[in-house]
């Protein structure tokens, strides 16, 4: 489960915190080489990596009708409000 309160619990001031995660999707949809391209702090990068790693398989990409291995980038944004 994604901890949506993680930045707040770690003392993040109000604002947007976007983490870009990159990973490889193989021909069966399994993920590997999961890493954060950036780290805005407050535990956001680690939590985004954990969430992607524990998620379901992805649909493999196709090129010329054949499944192929590809690197994907996914943005995850945490929004911390003043409330």
N, C-alpha and C. Protein backbone atom coordinates (compact mmCIF):
# COMPACT_ATOMS: atom_id res chain seq x y z
N UNK A 1 0.83 -1.18 0.00
CA UNK A 1 0.00 0.00 0.00
C UNK A 1 0.88 1.25 0.00
N UNK A 2 0.53 2.20 -0.84
CA UNK A 2 1.28 3.45 -0.94
C UNK A 2 0.99 4.29 0.29
N UNK A 3 2.04 4.78 0.92
CA UNK A 3 1.88 5.65 2.07
C UNK A 3 1.76 7.08 1.60
N UNK A 4 0.54 7.55 1.43
CA UNK A 4 0.30 8.90 0.93
C UNK A 4 0.70 9.97 1.93
N UNK A 5 0.73 9.62 3.21
CA UNK A 5 1.11 10.58 4.25
C UNK A 5 2.61 10.60 4.50
N UNK A 6 3.37 9.81 3.78
CA UNK A 6 4.80 9.70 4.04
C UNK A 6 5.52 11.04 4.06
N UNK A 7 5.38 11.91 3.02
CA UNK A 7 6.10 13.19 3.09
C UNK A 7 5.68 14.03 4.30
N UNK A 8 4.40 14.02 4.63
CA UNK A 8 3.91 14.79 5.78
C UNK A 8 4.53 14.24 7.07
N UNK A 9 4.51 12.92 7.21
CA UNK A 9 5.07 12.29 8.40
C UNK A 9 6.57 12.54 8.54
N UNK A 10 7.24 12.81 7.43
CA UNK A 10 8.69 13.06 7.44
C UNK A 10 9.01 14.55 7.47
N UNK A 11 7.99 15.41 7.67
CA UNK A 11 8.21 16.83 7.86
C UNK A 11 8.26 17.68 6.61
N UNK A 12 7.73 17.19 5.50
CA UNK A 12 7.75 17.96 4.25
C UNK A 12 6.85 19.19 4.35
N UNK A 13 7.33 20.35 3.92
CA UNK A 13 6.48 21.53 3.87
C UNK A 13 5.46 21.40 2.74
N UNK A 14 4.40 22.21 2.75
CA UNK A 14 3.40 22.14 1.67
C UNK A 14 4.06 22.31 0.30
N UNK A 15 3.57 21.54 -0.68
CA UNK A 15 4.08 21.63 -2.04
C UNK A 15 3.91 20.32 -2.78
N UNK A 16 4.41 20.28 -4.02
CA UNK A 16 4.38 19.08 -4.85
C UNK A 16 5.76 18.45 -4.86
N UNK A 17 5.79 17.14 -4.74
CA UNK A 17 7.03 16.37 -4.76
C UNK A 17 6.88 15.28 -5.80
N UNK A 18 7.56 15.44 -6.93
CA UNK A 18 7.44 14.48 -8.03
C UNK A 18 8.70 13.64 -8.13
N UNK A 19 8.50 12.33 -8.17
CA UNK A 19 9.59 11.37 -8.34
C UNK A 19 9.41 10.72 -9.70
N UNK A 20 10.49 10.64 -10.48
CA UNK A 20 10.47 9.94 -11.76
C UNK A 20 11.17 8.60 -11.54
N UNK A 21 10.44 7.53 -11.78
CA UNK A 21 10.96 6.17 -11.63
C UNK A 21 11.18 5.58 -13.01
N UNK A 22 12.33 4.95 -13.22
CA UNK A 22 12.55 4.24 -14.48
C UNK A 22 12.74 2.76 -14.17
N UNK A 23 12.32 1.93 -15.10
CA UNK A 23 12.44 0.49 -14.93
C UNK A 23 12.32 -0.20 -16.28
N UNK A 24 12.77 -1.44 -16.32
CA UNK A 24 12.69 -2.25 -17.54
C UNK A 24 11.49 -3.17 -17.42
N UNK A 25 10.71 -3.25 -18.50
CA UNK A 25 9.59 -4.18 -18.60
C UNK A 25 10.02 -5.25 -19.61
N UNK A 26 10.07 -6.52 -19.18
CA UNK A 26 10.50 -7.58 -20.10
C UNK A 26 9.33 -8.07 -20.95
N UNK A 27 9.59 -9.08 -21.76
CA UNK A 27 8.58 -9.59 -22.71
C UNK A 27 7.39 -10.24 -22.02
N UNK A 28 7.54 -10.61 -20.74
CA UNK A 28 6.43 -11.19 -19.99
C UNK A 28 5.74 -10.16 -19.09
N UNK A 29 6.25 -8.94 -19.06
CA UNK A 29 5.65 -7.89 -18.24
C UNK A 29 6.27 -7.73 -16.86
N UNK A 30 7.31 -8.51 -16.57
CA UNK A 30 8.00 -8.41 -15.28
C UNK A 30 8.90 -7.18 -15.27
N UNK A 31 9.07 -6.60 -14.09
CA UNK A 31 9.87 -5.38 -13.95
C UNK A 31 11.24 -5.70 -13.36
N UNK A 32 12.24 -4.92 -13.78
CA UNK A 32 13.58 -5.04 -13.22
C UNK A 32 14.28 -3.69 -13.32
N UNK A 33 15.43 -3.57 -12.71
CA UNK A 33 16.24 -2.35 -12.73
C UNK A 33 15.42 -1.12 -12.37
N UNK A 34 14.66 -1.22 -11.29
CA UNK A 34 13.80 -0.12 -10.84
C UNK A 34 14.65 0.89 -10.07
N UNK A 35 14.63 2.15 -10.50
CA UNK A 35 15.42 3.17 -9.82
C UNK A 35 14.76 4.53 -9.95
N UNK A 36 15.06 5.39 -9.00
CA UNK A 36 14.55 6.77 -9.03
C UNK A 36 15.52 7.62 -9.83
N UNK A 37 14.97 8.40 -10.75
CA UNK A 37 15.78 9.31 -11.54
C UNK A 37 16.08 10.58 -10.75
N UNK A 38 15.28 10.88 -9.74
CA UNK A 38 15.48 12.05 -8.88
C UNK A 38 14.97 11.71 -7.48
N UNK A 39 15.29 12.56 -6.53
CA UNK A 39 14.84 12.33 -5.16
C UNK A 39 14.52 13.67 -4.50
N UNK A 40 13.23 14.02 -4.44
CA UNK A 40 12.85 15.28 -3.80
C UNK A 40 12.92 15.22 -2.27
N UNK A 41 13.25 14.08 -1.71
CA UNK A 41 13.43 13.95 -0.27
C UNK A 41 12.19 13.47 0.46
N UNK A 42 12.29 13.44 1.76
CA UNK A 42 11.19 13.06 2.67
C UNK A 42 10.71 11.63 2.46
N UNK A 43 11.59 10.75 1.96
CA UNK A 43 11.24 9.34 1.76
C UNK A 43 10.43 9.06 0.52
N UNK A 44 10.20 10.07 -0.31
CA UNK A 44 9.33 9.90 -1.48
C UNK A 44 9.91 8.97 -2.53
N UNK A 45 11.21 9.05 -2.80
CA UNK A 45 11.82 8.19 -3.83
C UNK A 45 11.77 6.72 -3.40
N UNK A 46 12.12 6.46 -2.16
CA UNK A 46 12.11 5.08 -1.67
C UNK A 46 10.70 4.49 -1.71
N UNK A 47 9.71 5.28 -1.34
CA UNK A 47 8.32 4.80 -1.34
C UNK A 47 7.83 4.56 -2.77
N UNK A 48 8.20 5.42 -3.70
CA UNK A 48 7.79 5.24 -5.09
C UNK A 48 8.41 3.97 -5.68
N UNK A 49 9.68 3.72 -5.37
CA UNK A 49 10.33 2.48 -5.83
C UNK A 49 9.63 1.27 -5.24
N UNK A 50 9.33 1.32 -3.95
CA UNK A 50 8.65 0.20 -3.29
C UNK A 50 7.29 -0.07 -3.91
N UNK A 51 6.55 1.01 -4.20
CA UNK A 51 5.22 0.86 -4.78
C UNK A 51 5.28 0.21 -6.17
N UNK A 52 6.19 0.67 -7.01
CA UNK A 52 6.33 0.09 -8.35
C UNK A 52 6.76 -1.38 -8.26
N UNK A 53 7.71 -1.67 -7.39
CA UNK A 53 8.22 -3.03 -7.25
C UNK A 53 7.15 -4.01 -6.77
N UNK A 54 6.26 -3.56 -5.89
CA UNK A 54 5.22 -4.45 -5.35
C UNK A 54 3.97 -4.50 -6.21
N UNK A 55 3.92 -3.67 -7.26
CA UNK A 55 2.74 -3.61 -8.11
C UNK A 55 2.63 -4.81 -9.04
N UNK A 56 1.56 -4.84 -9.83
CA UNK A 56 1.34 -5.95 -10.76
C UNK A 56 2.29 -5.88 -11.95
N UNK A 57 2.29 -6.95 -12.73
CA UNK A 57 3.05 -6.96 -13.97
C UNK A 57 2.48 -5.93 -14.93
N UNK A 58 3.31 -5.48 -15.85
CA UNK A 58 2.90 -4.51 -16.85
C UNK A 58 2.62 -5.22 -18.17
N UNK A 59 1.94 -4.56 -19.07
CA UNK A 59 1.70 -5.11 -20.40
C UNK A 59 2.95 -4.83 -21.23
N UNK A 60 3.57 -5.87 -21.80
CA UNK A 60 4.78 -5.67 -22.57
C UNK A 60 4.52 -4.80 -23.81
N UNK A 61 5.55 -4.07 -24.22
CA UNK A 61 5.46 -3.28 -25.44
C UNK A 61 5.54 -4.21 -26.65
N UNK A 62 5.00 -3.75 -27.76
CA UNK A 62 5.08 -4.52 -29.00
C UNK A 62 5.69 -3.66 -30.09
N UNK A 63 6.51 -4.30 -30.89
CA UNK A 63 7.10 -3.65 -32.06
C UNK A 63 6.99 -4.63 -33.21
N UNK A 64 6.36 -4.19 -34.28
CA UNK A 64 6.11 -5.06 -35.44
C UNK A 64 5.38 -6.34 -35.04
N UNK A 65 4.46 -6.23 -34.08
CA UNK A 65 3.65 -7.35 -33.65
C UNK A 65 4.33 -8.29 -32.67
N UNK A 66 5.58 -8.03 -32.30
CA UNK A 66 6.31 -8.89 -31.38
C UNK A 66 6.53 -8.17 -30.05
N UNK A 67 6.43 -8.92 -28.95
CA UNK A 67 6.70 -8.34 -27.64
C UNK A 67 8.19 -8.01 -27.53
N UNK A 68 8.49 -6.85 -26.95
CA UNK A 68 9.88 -6.41 -26.80
C UNK A 68 10.14 -5.92 -25.38
N UNK A 69 11.40 -5.92 -25.01
CA UNK A 69 11.84 -5.38 -23.73
C UNK A 69 11.98 -3.88 -23.90
N UNK A 70 11.55 -3.12 -22.91
CA UNK A 70 11.70 -1.67 -23.01
C UNK A 70 11.89 -1.03 -21.64
N UNK A 71 12.49 0.18 -21.63
CA UNK A 71 12.64 0.95 -20.41
C UNK A 71 11.50 1.95 -20.36
N UNK A 72 10.84 2.02 -19.22
CA UNK A 72 9.70 2.92 -19.03
C UNK A 72 10.04 3.92 -17.93
N UNK A 73 9.52 5.14 -18.07
CA UNK A 73 9.64 6.14 -17.01
C UNK A 73 8.23 6.49 -16.55
N UNK A 74 8.06 6.53 -15.24
CA UNK A 74 6.76 6.81 -14.63
C UNK A 74 6.93 7.88 -13.56
N UNK A 75 6.14 8.94 -13.66
CA UNK A 75 6.17 9.99 -12.63
C UNK A 75 5.14 9.70 -11.55
N UNK A 76 5.53 9.94 -10.32
CA UNK A 76 4.63 9.81 -9.17
C UNK A 76 4.74 11.12 -8.39
N UNK A 77 3.60 11.78 -8.20
CA UNK A 77 3.59 13.08 -7.53
C UNK A 77 2.87 12.98 -6.20
N UNK A 78 3.53 13.47 -5.16
CA UNK A 78 2.94 13.59 -3.83
C UNK A 78 2.56 15.05 -3.66
N UNK A 79 1.36 15.32 -3.19
CA UNK A 79 0.91 16.68 -2.95
C UNK A 79 0.69 16.87 -1.45
N UNK A 80 1.43 17.78 -0.87
CA UNK A 80 1.32 18.07 0.55
C UNK A 80 0.58 19.40 0.68
N UNK A 81 -0.59 19.36 1.31
CA UNK A 81 -1.37 20.58 1.48
C UNK A 81 -1.10 21.20 2.85
N UNK A 82 -1.59 22.41 3.03
CA UNK A 82 -1.36 23.12 4.29
C UNK A 82 -2.29 22.69 5.41
N UNK A 83 -3.27 21.85 5.11
CA UNK A 83 -4.27 21.44 6.11
C UNK A 83 -3.66 20.62 7.21
